[in-house]
C-alpha atoms as a PDB file:
ATOM      1  CA  MET A   1       3.854   0.030 -12.628  1.00  0.00           C
ATOM      2  CA  ALA A   2       5.878  -0.737  -9.187  1.00  0.00           C
ATOM      3  CA  ILE A   3       3.562   0.086  -6.437  1.00  0.00           C
ATOM      4  CA  GLY A   4       4.683   1.555  -3.265  1.00  0.00           C
ATOM      5  CA  LEU A   5       2.874   1.548   0.773  1.00  0.00           C
ATOM      6  CA  ILE A   6       4.155   3.562   2.902  1.00  0.00           C
ATOM      7  CA  ILE A   7       2.358   3.303   6.838  1.00  0.00           C
ATOM      8  CA  ILE A   8       3.886   6.048   8.995  1.00  0.00           C
ATOM      9  CA  GLY A   9       3.228   6.110  12.984  1.00  0.00           C
ATOM     10  CA  ASP A  10       5.251   5.336  15.765  1.00  0.00           C
ATOM     11  CA  GLU A  11       1.906   3.364  17.366  1.00  0.00           C
ATOM     12  CA  ILE A  12       2.295   0.607  14.752  1.00  0.00           C
ATOM     13  CA  LEU A  13       6.368  -0.007  15.830  1.00  0.00           C
ATOM     14  CA  SER A  14       5.859   0.101  19.043  1.00  0.00           C
ATOM     15  CA  GLY A  15       2.407  -2.060  18.819  1.00  0.00           C
ATOM     16  CA  ARG A  16       0.256   0.477  19.846  1.00  0.00           C
ATOM     17  CA  ARG A  17      -1.829  -0.111  16.932  1.00  0.00           C
ATOM     18  CA  VAL A  18      -2.208  -2.669  14.901  1.00  0.00           C
ATOM     19  CA  ASP A  19      -2.132  -1.646  11.228  1.00  0.00           C
ATOM     20  CA  GLN A  20      -4.829  -2.340   8.547  1.00  0.00           C
ATOM     21  CA  HIS A  21      -3.648  -0.520   6.114  1.00  0.00           C
ATOM     22  CA  PHE A  22      -1.710  -3.051   4.951  1.00  0.00           C
ATOM     23  CA  PRO A  23      -4.042  -5.976   3.830  1.00  0.00           C
ATOM     24  CA  LYS A  24      -6.850  -2.881   2.931  1.00  0.00           C
ATOM     25  CA  VAL A  25      -3.965  -1.834   0.261  1.00  0.00           C
ATOM     26  CA  VAL A  26      -3.139  -5.683  -0.781  1.00  0.00           C
ATOM     27  CA  GLN A  27      -6.866  -6.008  -1.589  1.00  0.00           C
ATOM     28  CA  MET A  28      -7.953  -2.789  -3.126  1.00  0.00           C
ATOM     29  CA  LEU A  29      -5.784  -3.749  -6.265  1.00  0.00           C
ATOM     30  CA  ALA A  30      -6.689  -7.177  -6.504  1.00  0.00           C
ATOM     31  CA  THR A  31      -9.667  -6.169  -7.251  1.00  0.00           C
ATOM     32  CA  ARG A  32      -8.475  -4.186  -9.971  1.00  0.00           C
ATOM     33  CA  GLY A  33      -6.517  -6.931 -10.797  1.00  0.00           C
ATOM     34  CA  LEU A  34      -3.328  -4.566  -9.677  1.00  0.00           C
ATOM     35  CA  GLN A  35      -0.888  -6.006  -7.240  1.00  0.00           C
ATOM     36  CA  LEU A  36       1.488  -4.505  -4.391  1.00  0.00           C
ATOM     37  CA  THR A  37       5.788  -4.239  -5.123  1.00  0.00           C
ATOM     38  CA  TRP A  38       6.260  -3.003  -1.716  1.00  0.00           C
ATOM     39  CA  ALA A  39       5.390  -1.991   1.886  1.00  0.00           C
ATOM     40  CA  GLU A  40       7.668  -0.109   4.718  1.00  0.00           C
ATOM     41  CA  ILE A  41       6.324   1.524   7.555  1.00  0.00           C
ATOM     42  CA  LEU A  42       8.049   4.338   8.880  1.00  0.00           C
ATOM     43  CA  PRO A  43       8.648   5.986  12.330  1.00  0.00           C
ATOM     44  CA  ASP A  44       7.408   9.363  13.097  1.00  0.00           C
ATOM     45  CA  ASP A  45      11.221  10.889  12.423  1.00  0.00           C
ATOM     46  CA  PRO A  46      11.793  13.652  10.166  1.00  0.00           C
ATOM     47  CA  VAL A  47      14.560  12.630   8.494  1.00  0.00           C
ATOM     48  CA  ARG A  48      14.236   9.633   8.329  1.00  0.00           C
ATOM     49  CA  ILE A  49      10.553  10.081   6.185  1.00  0.00           C
ATOM     50  CA  THR A  50      12.074  12.671   3.752  1.00  0.00           C
ATOM     51  CA  ALA A  51      15.461  10.234   3.139  1.00  0.00           C
ATOM     52  CA  THR A  52      12.895   7.568   2.324  1.00  0.00           C
ATOM     53  CA  LEU A  53      10.499  10.376   0.136  1.00  0.00           C
ATOM     54  CA  LYS A  54      13.530  11.336  -1.123  1.00  0.00           C
ATOM     55  CA  ARG A  55      14.475   7.863  -3.107  1.00  0.00           C
ATOM     56  CA  THR A  56      10.733   7.162  -4.119  1.00  0.00           C
ATOM     57  CA  PHE A  57      10.291  10.151  -5.907  1.00  0.00           C
ATOM     58  CA  ALA A  58      13.762   9.298  -8.196  1.00  0.00           C
ATOM     59  CA  SER A  59      11.594   6.343  -9.165  1.00  0.00           C
ATOM     60  CA  SER A  60       8.763   5.858 -11.015  1.00  0.00           C
ATOM     61  CA  ASP A  61       6.996   3.615  -8.492  1.00  0.00           C
ATOM     62  CA  ILE A  62       3.263   4.395  -7.803  1.00  0.00           C
ATOM     63  CA  VAL A  63       3.548   5.751  -4.373  1.00  0.00           C
ATOM     64  CA  PHE A  64       0.879   5.425  -1.488  1.00  0.00           C
ATOM     65  CA  CYS A  65       1.236   6.897   2.036  1.00  0.00           C
ATOM     66  CA  CYS A  66      -0.860   7.253   4.887  1.00  0.00           C
ATOM     67  CA  GLY A  67      -0.333   8.809   8.106  1.00  0.00           C
ATOM     68  CA  GLY A  68       0.880  11.817   9.388  1.00  0.00           C
ATOM     69  CA  ILE A  69      -0.463  14.518   7.713  1.00  0.00           C
ATOM     70  CA  GLY A  70      -2.505  16.221  10.695  1.00  0.00           C
ATOM     71  CA  ALA A  71      -1.407  18.987  12.374  1.00  0.00           C
ATOM     72  CA  THR A  72       0.070  18.261  15.457  1.00  0.00           C
ATOM     73  CA  PRO A  73       4.350  18.064  16.059  1.00  0.00           C
ATOM     74  CA  ASP A  74       4.050  14.685  15.192  1.00  0.00           C
ATOM     75  CA  ASP A  75       3.081  14.483  11.961  1.00  0.00           C
ATOM     76  CA  HIS A  76       5.092  15.169  10.062  1.00  0.00           C
ATOM     77  CA  THR A  77       4.640  14.055   6.162  1.00  0.00           C
ATOM     78  CA  ARG A  78       3.961  17.214   4.598  1.00  0.00           C
ATOM     79  CA  GLN A  79       7.319  19.095   5.419  1.00  0.00           C
ATOM     80  CA  ALA A  80       9.290  16.120   4.079  1.00  0.00           C
ATOM     81  CA  ALA A  81       7.323  15.460   0.660  1.00  0.00           C
ATOM     82  CA  ALA A  82       8.254  19.030   1.041  1.00  0.00           C
ATOM     83  CA  ASP A  83      11.778  18.184   1.692  1.00  0.00           C
ATOM     84  CA  ALA A  84      12.401  15.938  -0.190  1.00  0.00           C
ATOM     85  CA  LEU A  85      11.541  17.606  -3.029  1.00  0.00           C
ATOM     86  CA  GLY A  86      13.417  20.447  -1.991  1.00  0.00           C
ATOM     87  CA  LYS A  87      10.529  22.553  -2.531  1.00  0.00           C
ATOM     88  CA  PRO A  88       8.315  25.113   0.220  1.00  0.00           C
ATOM     89  CA  LEU A  89       5.362  24.442   1.906  1.00  0.00           C
ATOM     90  CA  VAL A  90       2.186  26.096   0.860  1.00  0.00           C
ATOM     91  CA  LEU A  91      -1.380  27.339   1.583  1.00  0.00           C
ATOM     92  CA  HIS A  92      -3.374  25.477  -0.529  1.00  0.00           C
ATOM     93  CA  GLU A  93      -5.903  27.563  -1.768  1.00  0.00           C
ATOM     94  CA  GLN A  94      -8.668  24.949  -2.081  1.00  0.00           C
ATOM     95  CA  GLY A  95      -7.537  23.158   0.906  1.00  0.00           C
ATOM     96  CA  LYS A  96      -7.829  26.028   3.189  1.00  0.00           C
ATOM     97  CA  ILE A  97     -11.915  26.379   1.840  1.00  0.00           C
ATOM     98  CA  ASN A  98     -12.262  22.559   2.643  1.00  0.00           C
ATOM     99  CA  ILE A  99     -10.847  22.777   5.959  1.00  0.00           C
ATOM    100  CA  GLN A 100     -13.207  26.489   6.276  1.00  0.00           C
ATOM    101  CA  GLN A 101     -16.559  24.595   5.786  1.00  0.00           C
ATOM    102  CA  ARG A 102     -15.257  22.197   7.513  1.00  0.00           C
ATOM    103  CA  ILE A 103     -14.943  24.343  11.125  1.00  0.00           C
ATOM    104  CA  VAL A 104     -18.467  26.181   9.633  1.00  0.00           C
ATOM    105  CA  GLN A 105     -20.333  22.682   9.606  1.00  0.00           C
ATOM    106  CA  MET A 106     -18.813  21.072  12.654  1.00  0.00           C
ATOM    107  CA  ALA A 107     -19.607  24.931  14.742  1.00  0.00           C
ATOM    108  CA  GLN A 108     -23.496  24.299  13.254  1.00  0.00           C
ATOM    109  CA  GLU A 109     -23.699  21.151  13.988  1.00  0.00           C
ATOM    110  CA  ALA A 110     -22.388  23.009  17.324  1.00  0.00           C
ATOM    111  CA  GLY A 111     -25.314  24.916  17.329  1.00  0.00           C
ATOM    112  CA  GLN A 112     -22.599  28.030  17.121  1.00  0.00           C
ATOM    113  CA  THR A 113     -20.995  30.057  15.546  1.00  0.00           C
ATOM    114  CA  ALA A 114     -17.783  29.304  14.141  1.00  0.00           C
ATOM    115  CA  ASP A 115     -15.152  32.052  14.124  1.00  0.00           C
ATOM    116  CA  LEU A 116     -12.406  31.151  11.396  1.00  0.00           C
ATOM    117  CA  ASN A 117     -10.147  34.149  12.872  1.00  0.00           C
ATOM    118  CA  SER A 118      -9.412  31.701  16.083  1.00  0.00           C
ATOM    119  CA  ALA A 119      -5.939  30.544  16.787  1.00  0.00           C
ATOM    120  CA  GLU A 120      -7.615  27.347  17.060  1.00  0.00           C
ATOM    121  CA  ASN A 121      -8.879  27.307  13.480  1.00  0.00           C
ATOM    122  CA  LEU A 122      -5.755  28.951  11.705  1.00  0.00           C
ATOM    123  CA  HIS A 123      -4.155  26.832  12.833  1.00  0.00           C
ATOM    124  CA  ARG A 124      -6.452  23.843  11.025  1.00  0.00           C
ATOM    125  CA  LEU A 125      -5.094  25.500   7.737  1.00  0.00           C
ATOM    126  CA  LYS A 126      -1.719  24.544   7.971  1.00  0.00           C
ATOM    127  CA  MET A 127      -3.633  20.820   7.379  1.00  0.00           C
ATOM    128  CA  ALA A 128      -3.975  22.416   3.938  1.00  0.00           C
ATOM    129  CA  GLU A 129      -0.169  23.183   3.321  1.00  0.00           C
ATOM    130  CA  PHE A 130       1.953  21.428   0.831  1.00  0.00           C
ATOM    131  CA  ALA A 131       4.671  20.800  -1.177  1.00  0.00           C
ATOM    132  CA  GLU A 132       4.463  23.298  -3.712  1.00  0.00           C
ATOM    133  CA  GLY A 133       2.532  22.379  -7.123  1.00  0.00           C
ATOM    134  CA  ALA A 134       0.223  19.316  -5.260  1.00  0.00           C
ATOM    135  CA  ALA A 135      -3.147  18.471  -6.175  1.00  0.00           C
ATOM    136  CA  LEU A 136      -5.411  18.250  -3.868  1.00  0.00           C
ATOM    137  CA  ILE A 137      -7.176  14.081  -2.582  1.00  0.00           C
ATOM    138  CA  PRO A 138     -10.527  14.435  -1.947  1.00  0.00           C
ATOM    139  CA  ASN A 139     -11.820  12.945   1.858  1.00  0.00           C
ATOM    140  CA  PRO A 140     -15.802  12.337   1.729  1.00  0.00           C
ATOM    141  CA  TYR A 141     -15.922  11.743   5.261  1.00  0.00           C
ATOM    142  CA  ASN A 142     -14.946  15.155   6.341  1.00  0.00           C
ATOM    143  CA  ASN A 143     -14.149  17.435   3.398  1.00  0.00           C
ATOM    144  CA  ILE A 144     -10.368  17.475   4.441  1.00  0.00           C
ATOM    145  CA  ALA A 145      -8.426  16.350   2.002  1.00  0.00           C
ATOM    146  CA  GLY A 146      -5.470  14.504   1.336  1.00  0.00           C
ATOM    147  CA  PHE A 147      -2.328  15.527  -1.708  1.00  0.00           C
ATOM    148  CA  ALA A 148      -0.566  14.083  -4.205  1.00  0.00           C
ATOM    149  CA  LEU A 149       2.583  14.997  -6.210  1.00  0.00           C
ATOM    150  CA  HIS A 150       4.509  12.802  -8.383  1.00  0.00           C
ATOM    151  CA  LYS A 151       2.694   9.721  -8.403  1.00  0.00           C
ATOM    152  CA  HIS A 152       2.879   9.780  -4.280  1.00  0.00           C
ATOM    153  CA  TYR A 153      -0.274  10.212  -2.991  1.00  0.00           C
ATOM    154  CA  PHE A 154      -0.403  11.229   1.337  1.00  0.00           C
ATOM    155  CA  VAL A 155      -3.696  10.230   2.814  1.00  0.00           C
ATOM    156  CA  PRO A 156      -4.529  10.276   6.835  1.00  0.00           C
ATOM    157  CA  GLY A 157      -3.457   7.199   8.691  1.00  0.00           C
ATOM    158  CA  PHE A 158      -7.077   6.577   9.679  1.00  0.00           C
ATOM    159  CA  PRO A 159      -8.418   3.856   8.076  1.00  0.00           C
ATOM    160  CA  VAL A 160     -11.960   5.244   7.458  1.00  0.00           C
ATOM    161  CA  MET A 161     -10.316   7.883   6.012  1.00  0.00           C
ATOM    162  CA  ALA A 162      -7.482   6.473   4.175  1.00  0.00           C
ATOM    163  CA  TRP A 163      -9.525   3.946   1.729  1.00  0.00           C
ATOM    164  CA  PRO A 164     -12.239   5.749   0.350  1.00  0.00           C
ATOM    165  CA  MET A 165      -9.047   8.479  -0.905  1.00  0.00           C
ATOM    166  CA  LEU A 166      -6.633   6.070  -2.593  1.00  0.00           C
ATOM    167  CA  GLU A 167      -9.927   4.036  -3.926  1.00  0.00           C
ATOM    168  CA  TRP A 168     -10.383   7.309  -5.892  1.00  0.00           C
ATOM    169  CA  VAL A 169      -6.674   7.472  -6.371  1.00  0.00           C
ATOM    170  CA  LEU A 170      -7.324   4.058  -8.145  1.00  0.00           C
ATOM    171  CA  ASP A 171     -10.491   5.134  -9.994  1.00  0.00           C
ATOM    172  CA  ASN A 172      -9.825   8.242 -11.134  1.00  0.00           C
ATOM    173  CA  HIS A 173      -5.677   8.441 -11.241  1.00  0.00           C
ATOM    174  CA  TYR A 174      -5.111   4.458 -13.223  1.00  0.00           C
ATOM    175  CA  ALA A 175      -7.714   2.905 -14.349  1.00  0.00           C
ATOM    176  CA  ASP A 176      -6.664   1.930 -17.564  1.00  0.00           C
ATOM    177  CA  LEU A 177      -4.424  -0.070 -15.724  1.00  0.00           C
ATOM    178  CA  PHE A 178      -6.615  -2.457 -14.560  1.00  0.00           C
ATOM    179  CA  ASN A 179      -6.781  -5.860 -14.919  1.00  0.00           C
ATOM    180  CA  ARG A 180      -4.836  -4.952 -17.837  1.00  0.00           C
ATOM    181  CA  GLU A 181      -2.420  -8.623 -17.215  1.00  0.00           C
ATOM    182  CA  PRO A 182      -4.514 -11.531 -16.401  1.00  0.00           C
ATOM    183  CA  ARG A 183      -3.082 -13.437 -13.628  1.00  0.00           C
ATOM    184  CA  MET A 184      -3.182 -16.920 -12.752  1.00  0.00           C
ATOM    185  CA  GLU A 185      -2.018 -18.583  -9.175  1.00  0.00           C
ATOM    186  CA  GLN A 186      -2.061 -22.458  -9.293  1.00  0.00           C
ATOM    187  CA  SER A 187      -0.667 -24.597  -5.555  1.00  0.00           C
ATOM    188  CA  VAL A 188      -0.435 -27.931  -4.137  1.00  0.00           C
ATOM    189  CA  LEU A 189       0.684 -28.624  -0.950  1.00  0.00           C
ATOM    190  CA  VAL A 190       3.969 -30.746  -0.327  1.00  0.00           C
ATOM    191  CA  TYR A 191       4.580 -33.377   2.009  1.00  0.00           C
ATOM    192  CA  GLU A 192       7.763 -34.642   5.080  1.00  0.00           C
ATOM    193  CA  ALA A 193      10.087 -32.796   2.015  1.00  0.00           C
ATOM    194  CA  ALA A 194      12.538 -30.381   2.450  1.00  0.00           C
ATOM    195  CA  GLU A 195      12.794 -27.100   0.536  1.00  0.00           C
ATOM    196  CA  SER A 196      16.418 -27.528  -0.322  1.00  0.00           C
ATOM    197  CA  ALA A 197      15.310 -31.031  -2.124  1.00  0.00           C
ATOM    198  CA  LEU A 198      12.514 -28.583  -4.526  1.00  0.00           C
ATOM    199  CA  THR A 199      14.934 -25.822  -5.409  1.00  0.00           C
ATOM    200  CA  PRO A 200      16.704 -27.079  -8.106  1.00  0.00           C
ATOM    201  CA  LEU A 201      12.779 -28.109  -9.398  1.00  0.00           C
ATOM    202  CA  MET A 202      12.080 -24.177  -8.719  1.00  0.00           C
ATOM    203  CA  LEU A 203      15.113 -23.206 -10.449  1.00  0.00           C
ATOM    204  CA  ALA A 204      14.423 -24.938 -13.744  1.00  0.00           C
ATOM    205  CA  ILE A 205      10.387 -23.560 -13.695  1.00  0.00           C
ATOM    206  CA  GLU A 206      11.060 -19.668 -13.614  1.00  0.00           C
ATOM    207  CA  LYS A 207      14.568 -20.791 -15.999  1.00  0.00           C
ATOM    208  CA  GLN A 208      12.155 -23.245 -18.662  1.00  0.00           C
ATOM    209  CA  TYR A 209       8.790 -19.923 -18.480  1.00  0.00           C
ATOM    210  CA  PRO A 210      10.119 -16.205 -17.458  1.00  0.00           C
ATOM    211  CA  ARG A 211       6.209 -14.773 -17.069  1.00  0.00           C
ATOM    212  CA  VAL A 212       5.731 -17.726 -13.889  1.00  0.00           C
ATOM    213  CA  LYS A 213       6.618 -17.100 -10.407  1.00  0.00           C
ATOM    214  CA  VAL A 214       7.391 -19.814  -8.225  1.00  0.00           C
ATOM    215  CA  PHE A 215       6.439 -19.967  -4.818  1.00  0.00           C
ATOM    216  CA  SER A 216       7.190 -21.538  -1.457  1.00  0.00           C
ATOM    217  CA  LEU A 217       5.594 -21.262   1.532  1.00  0.00           C
ATOM    218  CA  PRO A 218       7.107 -23.846   4.562  1.00  0.00           C
ATOM    219  CA  SER A 219       4.749 -25.122   7.927  1.00  0.00           C
ATOM    220  CA  VAL A 220       5.902 -26.554  10.696  1.00  0.00           C
ATOM    221  CA  GLY A 221       2.307 -28.008  10.607  1.00  0.00           C
ATOM    222  CA  ASP A 222       0.000 -28.133  14.171  1.00  0.00           C
ATOM    223  CA  ALA A 223      -1.888 -30.533  15.928  1.00  0.00           C
ATOM    224  CA  ASN A 224      -3.609 -31.210  12.452  1.00  0.00           C
ATOM    225  CA  THR A 225      -2.094 -30.574   9.679  1.00  0.00           C
ATOM    226  CA  ARG A 226       1.430 -32.701   8.719  1.00  0.00           C
ATOM    227  CA  ARG A 227       3.878 -30.859   8.238  1.00  0.00           C
ATOM    228  CA  HIS A 228       4.016 -29.398   4.338  1.00  0.00           C
ATOM    229  CA  ILE A 229       4.688 -26.695   1.573  1.00  0.00           C
ATOM    230  CA  GLU A 230       2.716 -25.044   0.125  1.00  0.00           C
ATOM    231  CA  LEU A 231       4.115 -24.730  -3.408  1.00  0.00           C
ATOM    232  CA  GLY A 232       2.492 -23.090  -6.504  1.00  0.00           C
ATOM    233  CA  VAL A 233       3.490 -21.049  -9.627  1.00  0.00           C
ATOM    234  CA  LYS A 234       1.671 -17.413 -10.623  1.00  0.00           C
ATOM    235  CA  GLY A 235       1.519 -15.163 -13.525  1.00  0.00           C
ATOM    236  CA  GLU A 236       0.586 -15.137 -17.038  1.00  0.00           C
ATOM    237  CA  PRO A 237      -2.208 -18.084 -17.354  1.00  0.00           C
ATOM    238  CA  VAL A 238      -0.894 -20.001 -20.575  1.00  0.00           C
ATOM    239  CA  GLN A 239       3.002 -20.668 -18.353  1.00  0.00           C
ATOM    240  CA  THR A 240       1.416 -20.406 -14.540  1.00  0.00           C
ATOM    241  CA  ALA A 241      -1.198 -23.406 -15.944  1.00  0.00           C
ATOM    242  CA  THR A 242       1.250 -25.376 -18.347  1.00  0.00           C
ATOM    243  CA  ALA A 243       4.294 -24.931 -15.381  1.00  0.00           C
ATOM    244  CA  PHE A 244       1.645 -26.320 -12.743  1.00  0.00           C
ATOM    245  CA  PHE A 245       1.175 -29.549 -15.330  1.00  0.00           C
ATOM    246  CA  GLN A 246       4.372 -30.230 -15.084  1.00  0.00           C
ATOM    247  CA  LEU A 247       5.247 -28.783 -11.771  1.00  0.00           C
ATOM    248  CA  CYS A 248       3.036 -32.090 -10.980  1.00  0.00           C
ATOM    249  CA  ASP A 249       4.672 -34.100 -12.872  1.00  0.00           C
ATOM    250  CA  GLU A 250       8.058 -33.566 -12.197  1.00  0.00           C
ATOM    251  CA  LEU A 251       6.989 -33.647  -7.735  1.00  0.00           C
ATOM    252  CA  ARG A 252       5.698 -37.587  -8.690  1.00  0.00           C
ATOM    253  CA  LYS A 253       8.969 -39.037 -10.913  1.00  0.00           C
ATOM    254  CA  LEU A 254      10.706 -37.201  -7.263  1.00  0.00           C
ATOM    255  CA  ASN A 255       8.344 -39.661  -5.552  1.00  0.00           C
ATOM    256  CA  VAL A 256       6.923 -36.795  -3.589  1.00  0.00           C
ATOM    257  CA  GLU A 257       3.402 -36.342  -1.234  1.00  0.00           C
ATOM    258  CA  PHE A 258       1.856 -33.907  -2.359  1.00  0.00           C
ATOM    259  CA  SER A 259      -2.376 -33.009  -2.484  1.00  0.00           C
ATOM    260  CA  ASN A 260      -3.935 -29.633  -4.024  1.00  0.00           C
ATOM    261  CA  ILE A 261      -5.309 -27.669  -3.151  1.00  0.00           C
END
């Protein structure tokens, strides 16, 4: 099952904020024996967001989407998701109740009485307008829900809200996928060698072991580390262990200097 991540926000692309979602999603998936397949960062552009969602909705991927579900003029994700599916935006009744409960709570904490019919509070209800047929994703931080459509899960851009919401999705909808396929990764550091000289070996390993991927991570080195390539294999444990043994044996035959990590 492929798992994708969409991160939305001009502030990420401009550098005003540094994305935190990518490493966190990788980590939360890894603890459950899952792996991120792809990721995209999009601007606050409704046309581009709609086109991207239209493409991903047509796939069978599980997709997490962070950002753009608020009610300010630069929040386009809710409308884009509806447009991508050709569905109308509708006010979700439970989502509306959740927002009104939050409004009342905030007023009480300030020692005030909430006016649910004020223009400001009526505008807040837009955060509960989702494409017809959407399901809610609970938000433990402030009770203003995200939404789910066709294996796509839309949460706010704020990490304090987004991360527990995504973990809820994983634990409540995809626990059957956890640790389904055991994985192993092993690698060595190969010194002063060109990737081109190692490519035939990498291709041969992948051809011989279909459930194994070979990876190569070159480094130019620094004051404390020589130029090297981290060369390794990852995948199904039995094949990975055998492939790694063969990889090291072939490196010795090539008279290449390497060390275990």
